[in-house]
Protein backbone atom coordinates (compact mmCIF):
# COMPACT_ATOMS: atom_id res chain seq x y z
CA MET A 1 -67.70 10.95 19.15
CA ALA A 2 -65.58 12.94 16.79
CA GLU A 3 -62.64 11.21 15.18
CA ASN A 4 -61.02 14.56 14.29
CA ALA A 5 -59.50 15.06 17.71
CA ALA A 6 -55.95 16.45 17.78
CA PRO A 7 -53.17 13.84 17.99
CA SER A 8 -51.87 13.22 21.45
CA PRO A 9 -48.47 14.62 22.47
CA GLN A 10 -47.14 11.07 22.85
CA ARG A 11 -48.14 10.19 19.29
CA ILE A 12 -46.42 13.34 17.95
CA ARG A 13 -43.28 12.48 19.95
CA ASN A 14 -43.23 8.93 18.52
CA LEU A 15 -43.63 10.27 14.99
CA VAL A 16 -40.76 12.75 15.46
CA ILE A 17 -38.52 9.98 16.86
CA ALA A 18 -39.36 7.68 13.93
CA LEU A 19 -38.61 10.41 11.37
CA ALA A 20 -35.34 11.29 13.13
CA ALA A 21 -34.31 7.62 13.14
CA ILE A 22 -35.03 7.31 9.42
CA ALA A 23 -33.10 10.51 8.65
CA LEU A 24 -30.14 9.36 10.76
CA THR A 25 -30.09 5.94 9.09
CA VAL A 26 -30.09 7.51 5.63
CA ALA A 27 -27.32 9.96 6.62
CA VAL A 28 -25.11 7.19 8.04
CA PHE A 29 -25.71 4.98 4.99
CA LEU A 30 -24.84 7.76 2.54
CA GLY A 31 -21.88 8.86 4.65
CA LEU A 32 -20.40 5.39 4.71
CA ARG A 33 -20.89 4.94 0.97
CA SER A 34 -19.19 8.25 0.16
CA GLN A 35 -16.04 7.50 2.15
CA SER A 36 -13.20 6.18 0.02
CA ALA A 37 -12.01 2.78 1.05
CA THR A 38 -8.39 2.30 2.04
CA PRO A 39 -6.61 0.71 -0.89
CA SER A 40 -5.35 -2.81 -0.37
CA LEU A 41 -1.85 -3.98 -1.17
CA ALA A 42 -3.31 -6.18 -3.90
CA THR A 43 -4.97 -3.14 -5.50
CA LEU A 44 -1.78 -1.10 -5.30
CA ALA A 45 0.25 -3.97 -6.76
CA ALA A 46 -2.23 -4.42 -9.62
CA GLN A 47 -1.94 -0.70 -10.44
CA ALA A 48 1.86 -0.59 -10.09
CA VAL A 49 4.20 -0.11 -13.02
CA PRO A 50 5.76 -3.46 -14.00
CA TYR A 51 9.39 -3.74 -12.91
CA GLU A 52 10.58 -4.43 -16.46
CA VAL A 53 8.85 -1.27 -17.76
CA ALA A 54 10.32 0.86 -14.98
CA GLN A 55 13.81 -0.35 -15.88
CA THR A 56 13.55 1.07 -19.39
CA ASN A 57 11.05 3.96 -19.53
CA GLY A 58 13.45 6.73 -18.46
CA LYS A 59 11.49 7.79 -15.36
CA PRO A 60 12.78 7.64 -11.78
CA THR A 61 11.34 4.79 -9.74
CA LEU A 62 10.23 4.05 -6.21
CA LEU A 63 10.60 0.30 -5.83
CA GLU A 64 8.72 -1.24 -2.88
CA PHE A 65 9.37 -4.75 -1.62
CA TYR A 66 6.34 -5.86 0.39
CA ALA A 67 4.28 -8.87 1.49
CA ASP A 68 0.55 -9.26 1.98
CA TRP A 69 1.11 -10.42 5.57
CA CYS A 70 3.24 -7.36 6.48
CA THR A 71 1.20 -5.21 8.85
CA THR A 72 3.44 -2.19 8.30
CA CYS A 73 2.99 -2.52 4.52
CA GLN A 74 -0.77 -2.70 5.03
CA ALA A 75 -0.75 0.30 7.35
CA MET A 76 1.17 2.38 4.79
CA ALA A 77 -1.03 1.44 1.82
CA ALA A 78 -3.16 4.60 2.05
CA GLU A 79 -0.08 6.84 2.21
CA MET A 80 1.46 5.02 -0.75
CA ALA A 81 -1.75 5.46 -2.74
CA ASP A 82 -1.71 9.17 -1.90
CA LEU A 83 1.93 9.52 -2.94
CA LYS A 84 1.22 7.69 -6.18
CA ALA A 85 -1.69 10.05 -6.87
CA THR A 86 0.65 13.01 -6.35
CA TYR A 87 3.81 11.75 -8.10
CA GLY A 88 2.55 8.94 -10.34
CA GLU A 89 2.96 10.91 -13.57
CA GLN A 90 6.62 11.64 -12.80
CA VAL A 91 7.74 8.51 -10.91
CA ASN A 92 7.26 4.79 -11.49
CA PHE A 93 5.70 3.12 -8.47
CA VAL A 94 6.76 -0.54 -8.57
CA MET A 95 5.75 -3.21 -6.05
CA LEU A 96 7.55 -6.53 -5.72
CA ASN A 97 6.06 -9.19 -3.43
CA VAL A 98 8.82 -10.94 -1.46
CA ASP A 99 6.72 -14.10 -1.35
CA ASN A 100 7.14 -14.47 -5.12
CA ASN A 101 10.32 -16.37 -6.06
CA LYS A 102 10.47 -14.37 -9.28
CA TRP A 103 11.81 -11.40 -7.32
CA LEU A 104 14.54 -13.27 -5.42
CA PRO A 105 17.37 -11.92 -7.65
CA GLU A 106 16.15 -8.37 -7.00
CA MET A 107 15.87 -9.09 -3.27
CA VAL A 108 19.51 -10.16 -3.27
CA GLN A 109 20.59 -7.28 -5.52
CA TYR A 110 18.97 -4.65 -3.28
CA ARG A 111 19.82 -6.49 -0.02
CA VAL A 112 16.25 -6.82 1.18
CA ASP A 113 16.24 -8.12 4.74
CA GLY A 114 13.14 -6.42 6.10
CA ILE A 115 9.94 -5.06 4.70
CA PRO A 116 8.67 -2.72 3.62
CA HIS A 117 11.92 -1.97 1.80
CA TRP A 118 12.06 0.92 -0.65
CA VAL A 119 14.72 1.54 -3.26
CA TYR A 120 14.90 4.85 -5.09
CA LEU A 121 16.13 4.47 -8.67
CA ASP A 122 17.21 7.30 -10.95
CA PRO A 123 15.92 7.50 -14.55
CA GLN A 124 18.71 5.11 -15.64
CA ALA A 125 17.44 2.56 -13.06
CA ASP A 126 20.50 2.98 -10.84
CA PRO A 127 19.85 2.95 -7.06
CA VAL A 128 20.35 6.31 -5.35
CA GLY A 129 18.89 5.56 -1.90
CA SER A 130 16.87 3.17 0.18
CA ALA A 131 14.61 3.01 3.20
CA ILE A 132 13.54 0.09 5.35
CA GLY A 133 10.49 -0.08 7.56
CA GLU A 134 7.69 2.33 8.31
CA GLN A 135 8.49 5.80 6.96
CA PRO A 136 6.72 9.07 7.63
CA ARG A 137 4.95 10.35 4.54
CA VAL A 138 6.99 13.56 4.62
CA ILE A 139 10.28 11.63 4.28
CA LEU A 140 8.98 9.64 1.32
CA ALA A 141 7.59 12.80 -0.28
CA GLU A 142 10.84 14.76 0.19
CA ASN A 143 12.79 11.90 -1.37
CA LEU A 144 10.36 11.73 -4.29
CA GLU A 145 10.63 15.49 -4.83
CA ALA A 146 14.43 15.20 -4.95
CA LEU A 147 14.23 12.14 -7.22
CA VAL A 148 12.04 14.03 -9.70
CA ALA A 149 14.39 17.04 -9.58
CA ALA A 150 17.46 14.78 -10.08
CA GLN A 151 18.86 16.04 -6.78
CA PRO A 152 20.51 14.03 -3.98
CA LEU A 153 17.91 12.46 -1.71
CA PRO A 154 17.63 14.29 1.62
CA HIS A 155 16.97 10.96 3.37
CA GLN A 156 19.19 8.50 1.52
CA GLN A 157 19.01 5.66 3.97
CA THR A 158 16.38 5.61 6.66
CA TRP A 159 15.24 2.86 8.98
CA GLY A 160 11.84 2.40 10.57
CA ARG A 161 9.76 -0.41 12.01
CA ALA A 162 10.02 -3.39 9.65
CA SER A 163 8.92 -6.99 9.37
CA ASP A 164 11.89 -9.38 9.33
CA LEU A 165 12.20 -11.86 6.54
CA ASP A 166 12.79 -15.48 7.41
CA ARG A 167 16.22 -16.33 5.93
CA GLU A 168 15.51 -20.08 6.19
CA LEU A 169 12.30 -19.55 4.23
CA LEU A 170 14.21 -17.63 1.57
CA SER A 171 16.74 -20.43 1.19
CA ARG A 172 13.94 -22.98 0.88
CA GLN A 173 12.30 -20.81 -1.78
CA THR A 174 15.39 -20.89 -3.94
CA SER A 175 15.57 -24.68 -3.84
CA GLY A 176 11.82 -25.32 -4.10
CA SER A 177 9.19 -24.83 -6.72
CA ASP A 178 9.14 -21.80 -9.00
CA ASP A 179 5.43 -21.45 -8.33
CA PRO A 180 4.98 -18.23 -6.29
CA ARG A 181 2.09 -19.85 -4.44
CA ALA A 182 4.35 -22.63 -3.16
CA HIS A 183 5.94 -20.38 -0.51
CA GLY A 184 9.02 -22.58 -0.41
CA SER A 185 7.23 -25.89 -0.13
CA GLN A 186 8.53 -28.87 -2.03
CA VAL A 187 6.77 -31.84 -3.51
CA VAL A 188 8.24 -35.13 -2.30
CA ASN A 189 7.76 -38.14 -4.56
């Protein structure tokens, strides 16, 4: 019998299915690898301008009070990264974590009682507007445009969905350890 017989239609179908599966797997793998990951709050904070630098470098500032546990802050991270990419050369983007006791004086100064809480500072580091809670990108962008142009902010005080801060926790933080990881806990001897 001759071994050179033409392949059966079923064998051809199986080969086509196997090749299609391989091609689809490669396409999905490459597609997932090429997508940019949503930036985390930790990444944004690590890339932020230090507060002390922003106070003295003569650029306007967008100051964001946030917390890692704040779902609204997390949800807005991609928009904040996009805004920083657009305005980062002209505006300081500063992030202050409300869970760090170091920023308690600033939290009191800017009356932070919900997060995210944004404060717009002019080039002399004087506050010119604020926003609390989830903000549409367009409102933040319009305010940044005005801040760069040294014009009055079109949305000077806006309110959106925010995470409330625990006032009792804040009072415990002031009397507890200065370690930002302590989260208000105290050591009892």
